Amino acid sequence: MTKQITIVDYGLGNILSAQQSFIKVIKDNNIDANITISNNPEIIKKSSHVVLPGQGAFETCIKGLSNIPGMIDELYKFAVLKKNPFLGICVGMQLLALDSEENGKHKGLGWIEGHIKKLPTQNLKMPHMGWNTVKLKNNLNSHIQPKETDYYFVHSYYFKCLNEKNILAETVYGINFTSIVVKENIYGVQFHPEKSSLQGLEIIRQFAEL
């Protein structure tokens, strides 16, 4: 059966770059899938995989989702209730948390227990931008297994997980911060796989083949 991979368009995120990366991956690996960009909850309902990109401020992103009638409810049904493959990228990962302290206190989707905190700024350039190493912390029997190498980051806030069992990988920038979260079928990556060369495409492949 042909997979239906939908990238959520809520006005924020590296959507075209993500789309091109997914198109390349399914073509190069002969994956039977269609890639769709949509802001329609009815399309989410018909999808097999959903990707939630994001860039900019947490508050703007969560408001962008909230402004689409029925979108947050449909994403919840898709990922949490039906347990379909879901991938959050950058701020799309951070939205999975309970809340964020970026520019005030803002409620997240709350699918994975944790808080979005500011990276320590002493003697460090902000945002954390460029290539940095991702190290596996727990195996977690995850279907996504990143290569322990460099990926491309752009962020000033990080996901502070409350449960270590949700931390698949960490990266060091002043502190050890969570760079990949996982909870069953729900994955989040702080870096941009679509900008992370072959190792980023490999993560996209693993997700697309779930």
Protein backbone atom coordinates (compact mmCIF):
# COMPACT_ATOMS: atom_id res chain seq x y z
CA MET A 1 0.00 0.00 0.00
CA THR A 2 1.31 3.45 -0.92
CA LYS A 3 2.30 5.50 2.11
CA GLN A 4 0.92 9.01 2.49
CA ILE A 5 3.52 11.23 4.18
CA THR A 6 2.16 14.66 5.06
CA ILE A 7 4.26 17.68 6.05
CA VAL A 8 2.13 20.04 8.13
CA ASP A 9 1.96 23.58 6.77
CA TYR A 10 1.02 26.03 9.51
CA GLY A 11 2.94 28.98 8.14
CA LEU A 12 6.26 28.17 9.83
CA GLY A 13 9.06 25.73 9.14
CA ASN A 14 11.46 24.67 6.45
CA ILE A 15 8.66 23.07 4.47
CA LEU A 16 10.02 23.09 0.91
CA SER A 17 13.46 21.92 2.04
CA ALA A 18 11.87 19.09 4.04
CA GLN A 19 9.65 18.17 1.08
CA GLN A 20 12.61 17.98 -1.32
CA SER A 21 14.55 15.79 1.12
CA PHE A 22 11.64 13.36 1.49
CA ILE A 23 11.15 13.24 -2.29
CA LYS A 24 14.83 12.42 -2.76
CA VAL A 25 14.77 9.72 -0.09
CA ILE A 26 11.70 7.90 -1.39
CA LYS A 27 13.06 8.04 -4.94
CA ASP A 28 16.59 6.87 -4.06
CA ASN A 29 15.29 4.06 -1.85
CA ASN A 30 12.30 2.97 -3.96
CA ILE A 31 9.86 3.67 -1.14
CA ASP A 32 6.23 3.54 -2.28
CA ALA A 33 5.05 6.86 -0.87
CA ASN A 34 3.50 10.20 -1.78
CA ILE A 35 4.70 13.43 -0.14
CA THR A 36 2.04 16.06 0.58
CA ILE A 37 2.20 19.52 2.13
CA SER A 38 -1.09 20.40 3.80
CA ASN A 39 -2.82 22.56 6.41
CA ASN A 40 -6.00 20.48 6.20
CA PRO A 41 -6.84 18.24 9.19
CA GLU A 42 -8.79 15.96 6.84
CA ILE A 43 -5.54 15.20 5.01
CA ILE A 44 -3.89 14.35 8.34
CA LYS A 45 -6.67 11.87 8.96
CA LYS A 46 -5.86 10.08 5.69
CA SER A 47 -2.07 10.07 6.17
CA SER A 48 0.19 7.21 7.17
CA HIS A 49 3.05 9.46 8.40
CA VAL A 50 3.07 13.07 9.57
CA VAL A 51 6.00 15.49 9.78
CA LEU A 52 5.77 18.66 11.90
CA PRO A 53 8.51 21.13 10.93
CA GLY A 54 9.16 24.38 12.76
CA GLN A 55 11.44 27.36 12.98
CA GLY A 56 11.36 30.64 14.87
CA ALA A 57 9.73 31.13 18.26
CA PHE A 58 7.76 28.47 20.15
CA GLU A 59 4.84 30.84 20.82
CA THR A 60 4.45 31.70 17.15
CA CYS A 61 4.54 28.03 16.15
CA ILE A 62 1.97 26.83 18.68
CA LYS A 63 -0.31 29.73 17.73
CA GLY A 64 0.13 28.82 14.07
CA LEU A 65 -1.13 25.30 14.80
CA SER A 66 -3.93 26.56 17.05
CA ASN A 67 -5.18 28.92 14.35
CA ILE A 68 -6.04 26.00 12.06
CA PRO A 69 -9.44 24.73 13.23
CA GLY A 70 -9.26 21.08 14.27
CA MET A 71 -5.55 20.65 13.50
CA ILE A 72 -4.25 20.01 17.04
CA ASP A 73 -7.11 17.58 17.75
CA GLU A 74 -6.46 15.69 14.53
CA LEU A 75 -2.72 15.50 15.18
CA TYR A 76 -3.46 14.14 18.66
CA LYS A 77 -5.75 11.46 17.25
CA PHE A 78 -3.20 10.59 14.58
CA ALA A 79 -0.12 10.29 16.79
CA VAL A 80 -1.26 9.66 20.35
CA LEU A 81 -4.48 7.68 19.93
CA LYS A 82 -3.85 5.82 16.66
CA LYS A 83 -0.05 5.67 17.21
CA ASN A 84 0.92 6.45 13.62
CA PRO A 85 4.50 7.53 12.78
CA PHE A 86 5.09 11.17 13.70
CA LEU A 87 8.24 13.27 13.36
CA GLY A 88 8.81 16.74 14.84
CA ILE A 89 11.74 18.78 13.50
CA CYS A 90 13.47 21.61 15.44
CA VAL A 91 10.65 23.70 16.99
CA GLY A 92 8.34 20.96 15.76
CA MET A 93 10.12 18.72 18.27
CA GLN A 94 9.87 21.35 21.02
CA LEU A 95 6.11 21.61 20.52
CA LEU A 96 5.84 18.03 21.81
CA ALA A 97 6.77 19.24 25.32
CA LEU A 98 4.46 20.32 28.14
CA ASP A 99 5.48 23.97 27.89
CA SER A 100 8.17 26.46 26.89
CA GLU A 101 9.82 29.36 28.72
CA GLU A 102 10.73 31.14 25.48
CA ASN A 103 9.41 34.73 25.68
CA GLY A 104 7.16 33.86 28.62
CA LYS A 105 5.37 30.64 29.56
CA HIS A 106 3.56 28.88 26.72
CA LYS A 107 1.73 25.55 26.71
CA GLY A 108 2.88 22.86 24.27
CA LEU A 109 1.15 19.78 22.90
CA GLY A 110 2.20 17.81 26.01
CA TRP A 111 2.75 14.49 24.26
CA ILE A 112 6.20 13.93 25.80
CA GLU A 113 6.86 15.06 29.37
CA GLY A 114 9.41 17.85 29.42
CA HIS A 115 9.99 21.58 29.36
CA ILE A 116 11.64 23.84 26.79
CA LYS A 117 14.48 25.74 28.48
CA LYS A 118 17.05 28.28 27.29
CA LEU A 119 20.54 27.00 26.59
CA PRO A 120 23.17 28.48 28.95
CA THR A 121 24.74 31.50 27.30
CA GLN A 122 28.01 31.94 29.21
CA ASN A 123 30.93 32.02 26.75
CA LEU A 124 28.74 30.52 24.03
CA LYS A 125 27.40 32.06 20.86
CA MET A 126 23.64 32.08 20.49
CA PRO A 127 21.86 30.64 18.71
CA HIS A 128 23.60 27.28 18.72
CA MET A 129 24.09 27.18 14.96
CA GLY A 130 26.06 24.78 12.80
CA TRP A 131 27.28 21.21 12.92
CA ASN A 132 27.44 19.29 16.20
CA THR A 133 27.71 15.66 17.25
CA VAL A 134 24.73 13.51 18.17
CA LYS A 135 25.46 10.69 20.63
CA LEU A 136 23.09 7.84 21.43
CA LYS A 137 22.06 7.79 25.09
CA ASN A 138 19.52 4.97 25.17
CA ASN A 139 18.68 2.27 22.64
CA LEU A 140 14.97 2.27 23.58
CA ASN A 141 14.34 -0.31 20.83
CA SER A 142 13.79 2.70 18.60
CA HIS A 143 13.18 2.08 14.91
CA ILE A 144 15.11 5.28 14.22
CA GLN A 145 18.80 4.80 14.98
CA PRO A 146 20.92 7.84 14.09
CA LYS A 147 24.54 7.59 13.13
CA GLU A 148 26.73 9.05 15.87
CA THR A 149 28.08 11.91 13.82
CA ASP A 150 27.43 15.61 13.13
CA TYR A 151 24.06 17.11 12.27
CA TYR A 152 23.02 20.70 11.56
CA PHE A 153 21.47 22.70 14.42
CA VAL A 154 19.89 26.17 14.70
CA HIS A 155 18.31 26.86 18.13
CA SER A 156 18.65 28.69 21.44
CA TYR A 157 16.27 26.53 23.49
CA TYR A 158 16.36 22.83 24.29
CA PHE A 159 14.02 20.01 25.35
CA LYS A 160 14.56 19.12 29.02
CA CYS A 161 13.04 15.64 29.27
CA LEU A 162 11.45 14.62 32.56
CA ASN A 163 11.77 10.92 31.73
CA GLU A 164 15.16 9.62 30.66
CA LYS A 165 13.41 6.80 28.82
CA ASN A 166 12.31 9.38 26.22
CA ILE A 167 15.89 10.49 25.45
CA LEU A 168 17.29 8.68 22.42
CA ALA A 169 20.30 10.94 21.85
CA GLU A 170 22.13 13.92 23.31
CA THR A 171 24.42 16.68 22.08
CA VAL A 172 26.84 18.93 23.98
CA TYR A 173 26.67 22.71 23.76
CA GLY A 174 27.49 24.13 27.15
CA ILE A 175 25.39 21.32 28.64
CA ASN A 176 24.28 17.88 27.53
CA PHE A 177 20.92 18.52 25.91
CA THR A 178 18.43 16.15 24.32
CA SER A 179 18.80 16.13 20.55
CA ILE A 180 16.38 13.25 19.81
CA VAL A 181 13.27 12.36 21.81
CA VAL A 182 11.12 9.31 21.27
CA LYS A 183 7.91 7.96 22.77
CA GLU A 184 6.65 4.86 21.00
CA ASN A 185 5.70 6.10 17.50
CA ILE A 186 6.49 9.77 18.19
CA TYR A 187 9.94 11.11 17.31
CA GLY A 188 11.46 14.55 17.63
CA VAL A 189 14.84 15.81 16.42
CA GLN A 190 16.31 19.14 17.50
CA PHE A 191 18.54 19.36 14.43
CA HIS A 192 17.47 19.70 10.81
CA PRO A 193 17.80 16.32 9.05
CA GLU A 194 16.95 17.97 5.73
CA LYS A 195 20.11 20.09 6.12
CA SER A 196 22.31 17.35 7.56
CA SER A 197 23.80 15.68 4.49
CA LEU A 198 23.61 11.90 4.06
CA GLN A 199 23.19 11.16 7.77
CA GLY A 200 20.13 13.40 7.86
CA LEU A 201 18.66 11.70 4.81
CA GLU A 202 19.25 8.36 6.54
CA ILE A 203 17.02 9.43 9.45
CA ILE A 204 14.36 10.52 6.97
CA ARG A 205 14.65 7.11 5.27
CA GLN A 206 14.24 5.27 8.56
CA PHE A 207 11.16 7.33 9.39
CA ALA A 208 9.63 6.91 5.93
CA GLU A 209 10.06 3.14 6.15
CA LEU A 210 8.23 2.81 9.49
